[in-house]
Amino acid sequence: MAYSHPDDPGRRFYGAVTVSDRGQIVIPAEARRDLGIAVGDKLLVFGDLEFGLAFGKADQVLARVPGLARLLGGAPNSDE
């Protein structure tokens, strides 16, 4: 069960995940359902050395941030 922020129900905490020996995580099913993440979707991974990681669906992020695809060198498709 996700926990919503008291002042912004659109912000939620979905729990904790464990990184596998291959560097993989499993996104909780409720988060995938709420955010419309499906098998094969590309996610952009953003990092902040102080606050950690954030993920966003590539198509949604690129649609909201004009010019980002150009800065990233085209459509993101790295699976590394």
PDB file of N, CA and C in Angstrom:
ATOM      1  N   MET A   1       0.842  -1.184   0.000  1.00  0.00           N
ATOM      2  CA  MET A   1       0.000   0.000   0.000  1.00  0.00           C
ATOM      3  C   MET A   1       0.887   1.248   0.000  1.00  0.00           C
ATOM      4  N   ALA A   2       0.604   2.167  -0.891  1.00  0.00           N
ATOM      5  CA  ALA A   2       1.373   3.404  -0.984  1.00  0.00           C
ATOM      6  C   ALA A   2       0.914   4.387   0.090  1.00  0.00           C
ATOM      7  N   TYR A   3       1.853   5.191   0.551  1.00  0.00           N
ATOM      8  CA  TYR A   3       1.537   6.241   1.510  1.00  0.00           C
ATOM      9  C   TYR A   3       1.633   7.575   0.795  1.00  0.00           C
ATOM     10  N   SER A   4       0.543   8.350   0.829  1.00  0.00           N
ATOM     11  CA  SER A   4       0.500   9.641   0.142  1.00  0.00           C
ATOM     12  C   SER A   4       1.006  10.750   1.049  1.00  0.00           C
ATOM     13  N   HIS A   5       1.618  11.750   0.436  1.00  0.00           N
ATOM     14  CA  HIS A   5       2.059  12.948   1.148  1.00  0.00           C
ATOM     15  C   HIS A   5       0.814  13.677   1.641  1.00  0.00           C
ATOM     16  N   PRO A   6       0.786  14.131   2.903  1.00  0.00           N
ATOM     17  CA  PRO A   6      -0.431  14.769   3.433  1.00  0.00           C
ATOM     18  C   PRO A   6      -0.847  16.044   2.699  1.00  0.00           C
ATOM     19  N   ASP A   7       0.119  16.779   2.147  1.00  0.00           N
ATOM     20  CA  ASP A   7      -0.201  18.026   1.456  1.00  0.00           C
ATOM     21  C   ASP A   7      -0.297  17.872  -0.056  1.00  0.00           C
ATOM     22  N   ASP A   8       0.112  16.724  -0.578  1.00  0.00           N
ATOM     23  CA  ASP A   8       0.104  16.501  -2.023  1.00  0.00           C
ATOM     24  C   ASP A   8      -0.123  15.018  -2.302  1.00  0.00           C
ATOM     25  N   PRO A   9      -1.382  14.612  -2.471  1.00  0.00           N
ATOM     26  CA  PRO A   9      -1.680  13.192  -2.667  1.00  0.00           C
ATOM     27  C   PRO A   9      -1.062  12.596  -3.926  1.00  0.00           C
ATOM     28  N   GLY A  10      -0.556  13.434  -4.834  1.00  0.00           N
ATOM     29  CA  GLY A  10       0.110  12.929  -6.021  1.00  0.00           C
ATOM     30  C   GLY A  10       1.518  12.410  -5.739  1.00  0.00           C
ATOM     31  N   ARG A  11       2.056  12.739  -4.573  1.00  0.00           N
ATOM     32  CA  ARG A  11       3.378  12.249  -4.165  1.00  0.00           C
ATOM     33  C   ARG A  11       3.170  11.069  -3.230  1.00  0.00           C
ATOM     34  N   ARG A  12       3.827   9.959  -3.542  1.00  0.00           N
ATOM     35  CA  ARG A  12       3.602   8.742  -2.763  1.00  0.00           C
ATOM     36  C   ARG A  12       4.902   8.026  -2.453  1.00  0.00           C
ATOM     37  N   PHE A  13       4.869   7.280  -1.371  1.00  0.00           N
ATOM     38  CA  PHE A  13       5.951   6.383  -0.991  1.00  0.00           C
ATOM     39  C   PHE A  13       5.441   4.967  -1.199  1.00  0.00           C
ATOM     40  N   TYR A  14       6.156   4.180  -1.992  1.00  0.00           N
ATOM     41  CA  TYR A  14       5.700   2.836  -2.346  1.00  0.00           C
ATOM     42  C   TYR A  14       6.445   1.727  -1.620  1.00  0.00           C
ATOM     43  N   GLY A  15       7.380   2.044  -0.769  1.00  0.00           N
ATOM     44  CA  GLY A  15       8.106   1.009  -0.049  1.00  0.00           C
ATOM     45  C   GLY A  15       9.575   1.012  -0.408  1.00  0.00           C
ATOM     46  N   ALA A  16      10.260  -0.065  -0.028  1.00  0.00           N
ATOM     47  CA  ALA A  16      11.695  -0.197  -0.266  1.00  0.00           C
ATOM     48  C   ALA A  16      11.947  -1.336  -1.246  1.00  0.00           C
ATOM     49  N   VAL A  17      13.031  -1.225  -1.986  1.00  0.00           N
ATOM     50  CA  VAL A  17      13.438  -2.284  -2.912  1.00  0.00           C
ATOM     51  C   VAL A  17      14.890  -2.640  -2.607  1.00  0.00           C
ATOM     52  N   THR A  18      15.300  -3.812  -3.040  1.00  0.00           N
ATOM     53  CA  THR A  18      16.663  -4.285  -2.839  1.00  0.00           C
ATOM     54  C   THR A  18      17.344  -4.418  -4.194  1.00  0.00           C
ATOM     55  N   VAL A  19      18.567  -3.950  -4.270  1.00  0.00           N
ATOM     56  CA  VAL A  19      19.341  -4.062  -5.504  1.00  0.00           C
ATOM     57  C   VAL A  19      19.916  -5.476  -5.584  1.00  0.00           C
ATOM     58  N   SER A  20      19.691  -6.143  -6.723  1.00  0.00           N
ATOM     59  CA  SER A  20      20.202  -7.503  -6.919  1.00  0.00           C
ATOM     60  C   SER A  20      21.693  -7.470  -7.248  1.00  0.00           C
ATOM     61  N   ASP A  21      22.314  -8.645  -7.287  1.00  0.00           N
ATOM     62  CA  ASP A  21      23.732  -8.708  -7.630  1.00  0.00           C
ATOM     63  C   ASP A  21      23.992  -8.273  -9.069  1.00  0.00           C
ATOM     64  N   ARG A  22      22.943  -8.195  -9.877  1.00  0.00           N
ATOM     65  CA  ARG A  22      23.062  -7.698 -11.257  1.00  0.00           C
ATOM     66  C   ARG A  22      22.726  -6.207 -11.351  1.00  0.00           C
ATOM     67  N   GLY A  23      22.484  -5.559 -10.209  1.00  0.00           N
ATOM     68  CA  GLY A  23      22.177  -4.133 -10.200  1.00  0.00           C
ATOM     69  C   GLY A  23      20.731  -3.816 -10.526  1.00  0.00           C
ATOM     70  N   GLN A  24      19.855  -4.809 -10.455  1.00  0.00           N
ATOM     71  CA  GLN A  24      18.448  -4.620 -10.810  1.00  0.00           C
ATOM     72  C   GLN A  24      17.596  -4.388  -9.570  1.00  0.00           C
ATOM     73  N   ILE A  25      16.499  -3.653  -9.777  1.00  0.00           N
ATOM     74  CA  ILE A  25      15.483  -3.487  -8.741  1.00  0.00           C
ATOM     75  C   ILE A  25      14.134  -3.845  -9.348  1.00  0.00           C
ATOM     76  N   VAL A  26      13.178  -4.140  -8.488  1.00  0.00           N
ATOM     77  CA  VAL A  26      11.810  -4.387  -8.932  1.00  0.00           C
ATOM     78  C   VAL A  26      10.973  -3.198  -8.485  1.00  0.00           C
ATOM     79  N   ILE A  27      10.328  -2.542  -9.432  1.00  0.00           N
ATOM     80  CA  ILE A  27       9.437  -1.428  -9.110  1.00  0.00           C
ATOM     81  C   ILE A  27       8.145  -2.038  -8.571  1.00  0.00           C
ATOM     82  N   PRO A  28       7.691  -1.616  -7.388  1.00  0.00           N
ATOM     83  CA  PRO A  28       6.480  -2.205  -6.820  1.00  0.00           C
ATOM     84  C   PRO A  28       5.292  -2.140  -7.790  1.00  0.00           C
ATOM     85  N   ALA A  29       4.493  -3.207  -7.791  1.00  0.00           N
ATOM     86  CA  ALA A  29       3.357  -3.323  -8.716  1.00  0.00           C
ATOM     87  C   ALA A  29       2.410  -2.135  -8.609  1.00  0.00           C
ATOM     88  N   GLU A  30       2.142  -1.678  -7.393  1.00  0.00           N
ATOM     89  CA  GLU A  30       1.225  -0.547  -7.223  1.00  0.00           C
ATOM     90  C   GLU A  30       1.789   0.721  -7.870  1.00  0.00           C
ATOM     91  N   ALA A  31       3.098   0.917  -7.769  1.00  0.00           N
ATOM     92  CA  ALA A  31       3.733   2.076  -8.411  1.00  0.00           C
ATOM     93  C   ALA A  31       3.633   1.958  -9.923  1.00  0.00           C
ATOM     94  N   ARG A  32       3.917   0.760 -10.458  1.00  0.00           N
ATOM     95  CA  ARG A  32       3.808   0.567 -11.912  1.00  0.00           C
ATOM     96  C   ARG A  32       2.385   0.827 -12.382  1.00  0.00           C
ATOM     97  N   ARG A  33       1.433   0.352 -11.633  1.00  0.00           N
ATOM     98  CA  ARG A  33       0.023   0.536 -12.006  1.00  0.00           C
ATOM     99  C   ARG A  33      -0.363   2.022 -11.937  1.00  0.00           C
ATOM    100  N   ASP A  34      -0.050   2.675 -10.826  1.00  0.00           N
ATOM    101  CA  ASP A  34      -0.412   4.091 -10.647  1.00  0.00           C
ATOM    102  C   ASP A  34       0.252   4.990 -11.687  1.00  0.00           C
ATOM    103  N   LEU A  35       1.482   4.663 -12.067  1.00  0.00           N
ATOM    104  CA  LEU A  35       2.259   5.519 -12.961  1.00  0.00           C
ATOM    105  C   LEU A  35       2.223   5.072 -14.414  1.00  0.00           C
ATOM    106  N   GLY A  36       1.505   3.990 -14.682  1.00  0.00           N
ATOM    107  CA  GLY A  36       1.362   3.528 -16.060  1.00  0.00           C
ATOM    108  C   GLY A  36       2.647   2.991 -16.657  1.00  0.00           C
ATOM    109  N   ILE A  37       3.471   2.354 -15.843  1.00  0.00           N
ATOM    110  CA  ILE A  37       4.730   1.784 -16.326  1.00  0.00           C
ATOM    111  C   ILE A  37       4.467   0.353 -16.763  1.00  0.00           C
ATOM    112  N   ALA A  38       4.793   0.056 -18.016  1.00  0.00           N
ATOM    113  CA  ALA A  38       4.543  -1.270 -18.586  1.00  0.00           C
ATOM    114  C   ALA A  38       5.861  -1.920 -19.004  1.00  0.00           C
ATOM    115  N   VAL A  39       5.812  -3.229 -19.202  1.00  0.00           N
ATOM    116  CA  VAL A  39       6.978  -3.968 -19.684  1.00  0.00           C
ATOM    117  C   VAL A  39       7.478  -3.323 -20.975  1.00  0.00           C
ATOM    118  N   GLY A  40       8.769  -3.080 -21.055  1.00  0.00           N
ATOM    119  CA  GLY A  40       9.363  -2.492 -22.250  1.00  0.00           C
ATOM    120  C   GLY A  40       9.461  -0.977 -22.229  1.00  0.00           C
ATOM    121  N   ASP A  41       8.791  -0.310 -21.282  1.00  0.00           N
ATOM    122  CA  ASP A  41       8.896   1.149 -21.191  1.00  0.00           C
ATOM    123  C   ASP A  41      10.328   1.549 -20.853  1.00  0.00           C
ATOM    124  N   LYS A  42      10.779   2.649 -21.430  1.00  0.00           N
ATOM    125  CA  LYS A  42      12.088   3.212 -21.112  1.00  0.00           C
ATOM    126  C   LYS A  42      11.920   4.216 -19.976  1.00  0.00           C
ATOM    127  N   LEU A  43      12.824   4.145 -19.004  1.00  0.00           N
ATOM    128  CA  LEU A  43      12.828   5.092 -17.900  1.00  0.00           C
ATOM    129  C   LEU A  43      14.132   5.874 -17.940  1.00  0.00           C
ATOM    130  N   LEU A  44      14.051   7.161 -17.664  1.00  0.00           N
ATOM    131  CA  LEU A  44      15.253   7.971 -17.498  1.00  0.00           C
ATOM    132  C   LEU A  44      15.637   7.907 -16.025  1.00  0.00           C
ATOM    133  N   VAL A  45      16.922   7.816 -15.751  1.00  0.00           N
ATOM    134  CA  VAL A  45      17.423   7.728 -14.386  1.00  0.00           C
ATOM    135  C   VAL A  45      18.223   8.994 -14.100  1.00  0.00           C
ATOM    136  N   PHE A  46      17.790   9.728 -13.093  1.00  0.00           N
ATOM    137  CA  PHE A  46      18.454  10.960 -12.686  1.00  0.00           C
ATOM    138  C   PHE A  46      19.099  10.725 -11.327  1.00  0.00           C
ATOM    139  N   GLY A  47      20.260  11.312 -11.109  1.00  0.00           N
ATOM    140  CA  GLY A  47      20.934  11.141  -9.834  1.00  0.00           C
ATOM    141  C   GLY A  47      21.344  12.459  -9.225  1.00  0.00           C
ATOM    142  N   ASP A  48      21.297  12.498  -7.918  1.00  0.00           N
ATOM    143  CA  ASP A  48      21.751  13.639  -7.145  1.00  0.00           C
ATOM    144  C   ASP A  48      22.588  13.058  -6.012  1.00  0.00           C
ATOM    145  N   LEU A  49      23.843  13.475  -5.902  1.00  0.00           N
ATOM    146  CA  LEU A  49      24.739  12.885  -4.912  1.00  0.00           C
ATOM    147  C   LEU A  49      24.247  13.070  -3.485  1.00  0.00           C
ATOM    148  N   GLU A  50      23.415  14.066  -3.239  1.00  0.00           N
ATOM    149  CA  GLU A  50      22.886  14.289  -1.894  1.00  0.00           C
ATOM    150  C   GLU A  50      21.564  13.563  -1.676  1.00  0.00           C
ATOM    151  N   PHE A  51      20.674  13.570  -2.688  1.00  0.00           N
ATOM    152  CA  PHE A  51      19.323  13.058  -2.490  1.00  0.00           C
ATOM    153  C   PHE A  51      19.063  11.688  -3.100  1.00  0.00           C
ATOM    154  N   GLY A  52      19.930  11.193  -3.976  1.00  0.00           N
ATOM    155  CA  GLY A  52      19.761   9.852  -4.526  1.00  0.00           C
ATOM    156  C   GLY A  52      19.227   9.840  -5.938  1.00  0.00           C
ATOM    157  N   LEU A  53      18.460   8.800  -6.256  1.00  0.00           N
ATOM    158  CA  LEU A  53      17.973   8.560  -7.615  1.00  0.00           C
ATOM    159  C   LEU A  53      16.510   8.937  -7.782  1.00  0.00           C
ATOM    160  N   ALA A  54      16.169   9.284  -9.010  1.00  0.00           N
ATOM    161  CA  ALA A  54      14.774   9.504  -9.399  1.00  0.00           C
ATOM    162  C   ALA A  54      14.613   8.930 -10.797  1.00  0.00           C
ATOM    163  N   PHE A  55      13.455   8.382 -11.068  1.00  0.00           N
ATOM    164  CA  PHE A  55      13.157   7.780 -12.361  1.00  0.00           C
ATOM    165  C   PHE A  55      11.952   8.477 -12.971  1.00  0.00           C
ATOM    166  N   GLY A  56      11.904   8.530 -14.281  1.00  0.00           N
ATOM    167  CA  GLY A  56      10.742   9.072 -14.977  1.00  0.00           C
ATOM    168  C   GLY A  56      10.569   8.362 -16.305  1.00  0.00           C
ATOM    169  N   LYS A  57       9.318   8.167 -16.711  1.00  0.00           N
ATOM    170  CA  LYS A  57       9.073   7.560 -18.018  1.00  0.00           C
ATOM    171  C   LYS A  57       9.654   8.480 -19.086  1.00  0.00           C
ATOM    172  N   ALA A  58      10.487   7.919 -19.954  1.00  0.00           N
ATOM    173  CA  ALA A  58      11.210   8.721 -20.939  1.00  0.00           C
ATOM    174  C   ALA A  58      10.272   9.565 -21.787  1.00  0.00           C
ATOM    175  N   ASP A  59       9.194   8.977 -22.286  1.00  0.00           N
ATOM    176  CA  ASP A  59       8.304   9.738 -23.169  1.00  0.00           C
ATOM    177  C   ASP A  59       7.662  10.910 -22.445  1.00  0.00           C
ATOM    178  N   GLN A  60       7.295  10.728 -21.184  1.00  0.00           N
ATOM    179  CA  GLN A  60       6.660  11.807 -20.428  1.00  0.00           C
ATOM    180  C   GLN A  60       7.657  12.907 -20.070  1.00  0.00           C
ATOM    181  N   VAL A  61       8.850  12.519 -19.648  1.00  0.00           N
ATOM    182  CA  VAL A  61       9.861  13.516 -19.287  1.00  0.00           C
ATOM    183  C   VAL A  61      10.260  14.324 -20.512  1.00  0.00           C
ATOM    184  N   LEU A  62      10.523  13.635 -21.624  1.00  0.00           N
ATOM    185  CA  LEU A  62      10.953  14.335 -22.836  1.00  0.00           C
ATOM    186  C   LEU A  62       9.867  15.255 -23.377  1.00  0.00           C
ATOM    187  N   ALA A  63       8.603  14.891 -23.190  1.00  0.00           N
ATOM    188  CA  ALA A  63       7.504  15.742 -23.643  1.00  0.00           C
ATOM    189  C   ALA A  63       7.390  17.010 -22.796  1.00  0.00           C
ATOM    190  N   ARG A  64       7.810  16.938 -21.530  1.00  0.00           N
ATOM    191  CA  ARG A  64       7.672  18.078 -20.619  1.00  0.00           C
ATOM    192  C   ARG A  64       8.902  18.980 -20.579  1.00  0.00           C
ATOM    193  N   VAL A  65      10.020  18.471 -21.055  1.00  0.00           N
ATOM    194  CA  VAL A  65      11.263  19.242 -20.985  1.00  0.00           C
ATOM    195  C   VAL A  65      11.801  19.433 -22.398  1.00  0.00           C
ATOM    196  N   PRO A  66      11.381  20.515 -23.060  1.00  0.00           N
ATOM    197  CA  PRO A  66      11.821  20.752 -24.437  1.00  0.00           C
ATOM    198  C   PRO A  66      13.345  20.806 -24.535  1.00  0.00           C
ATOM    199  N   GLY A  67      13.874  20.142 -25.539  1.00  0.00           N
ATOM    200  CA  GLY A  67      15.310  20.165 -25.774  1.00  0.00           C
ATOM    201  C   GLY A  67      16.102  19.128 -25.000  1.00  0.00           C
ATOM    202  N   LEU A  68      15.471  18.402 -24.085  1.00  0.00           N
ATOM    203  CA  LEU A  68      16.211  17.429 -23.284  1.00  0.00           C
ATOM    204  C   LEU A  68      16.766  16.302 -24.142  1.00  0.00           C
ATOM    205  N   ALA A  69      16.000  15.820 -25.108  1.00  0.00           N
ATOM    206  CA  ALA A  69      16.481  14.734 -25.974  1.00  0.00           C
ATOM    207  C   ALA A  69      17.756  15.164 -26.697  1.00  0.00           C
ATOM    208  N   ARG A  70      17.803  16.405 -27.141  1.00  0.00           N
ATOM    209  CA  ARG A  70      18.992  16.918 -27.822  1.00  0.00           C
ATOM    210  C   ARG A  70      20.186  16.932 -26.860  1.00  0.00           C
ATOM    211  N   LEU A  71      19.952  17.365 -25.620  1.00  0.00           N
ATOM    212  CA  LEU A  71      21.030  17.394 -24.631  1.00  0.00           C
ATOM    213  C   LEU A  71      21.532  15.993 -24.305  1.00  0.00           C
ATOM    214  N   LEU A  72      20.635  15.016 -24.374  1.00  0.00           N
ATOM    215  CA  LEU A  72      20.999  13.630 -24.076  1.00  0.00           C
ATOM    216  C   LEU A  72      21.583  12.917 -25.282  1.00  0.00           C
ATOM    217  N   GLY A  73      21.649  13.599 -26.411  1.00  0.00           N
ATOM    218  CA  GLY A  73      22.209  12.988 -27.608  1.00  0.00           C
ATOM    219  C   GLY A  73      21.219  12.146 -28.372  1.00  0.00           C
ATOM    220  N   GLY A  74      19.949  12.484 -28.303  1.00  0.00           N
ATOM    221  CA  GLY A  74      18.909  11.714 -28.993  1.00  0.00           C
ATOM    222  C   GLY A  74      18.044  10.988 -27.993  1.00  0.00           C
ATOM    223  N   ALA A  75      17.203  10.123 -28.495  1.00  0.00           N
ATOM    224  CA  ALA A  75      16.302   9.366 -27.625  1.00  0.00           C
ATOM    225  C   ALA A  75      17.109   8.414 -26.755  1.00  0.00           C
ATOM    226  N   PRO A  76      16.848   8.421 -25.441  1.00  0.00           N
ATOM    227  CA  PRO A  76      17.600   7.536 -24.549  1.00  0.00           C
ATOM    228  C   PRO A  76      17.230   6.081 -24.803  1.00  0.00           C
ATOM    229  N   ASN A  77      18.249   5.230 -24.945  1.00  0.00           N
ATOM    230  CA  ASN A  77      17.958   3.819 -25.167  1.00  0.00           C
ATOM    231  C   ASN A  77      19.007   2.916 -24.541  1.00  0.00           C
ATOM    232  N   SER A  78      19.777   3.433 -23.615  1.00  0.00           N
ATOM    233  CA  SER A  78      20.824   2.628 -22.993  1.00  0.00           C
ATOM    234  C   SER A  78      20.232   1.678 -21.971  1.00  0.00           C
ATOM    235  N   ASP A  79      20.660   0.430 -22.026  1.00  0.00           N
ATOM    236  CA  ASP A  79      20.215  -0.567 -21.055  1.00  0.00           C
ATOM    237  C   ASP A  79      21.343  -0.948 -20.103  1.00  0.00           C
ATOM    238  N   GLU A  80      22.373  -0.121 -20.014  1.00  0.00           N
ATOM    239  CA  GLU A  80      23.529  -0.447 -19.164  1.00  0.00           C
ATOM    240  C   GLU A  80      23.197  -0.320 -17.710  1.00  0.00           C
TER     241      GLU A  80
END
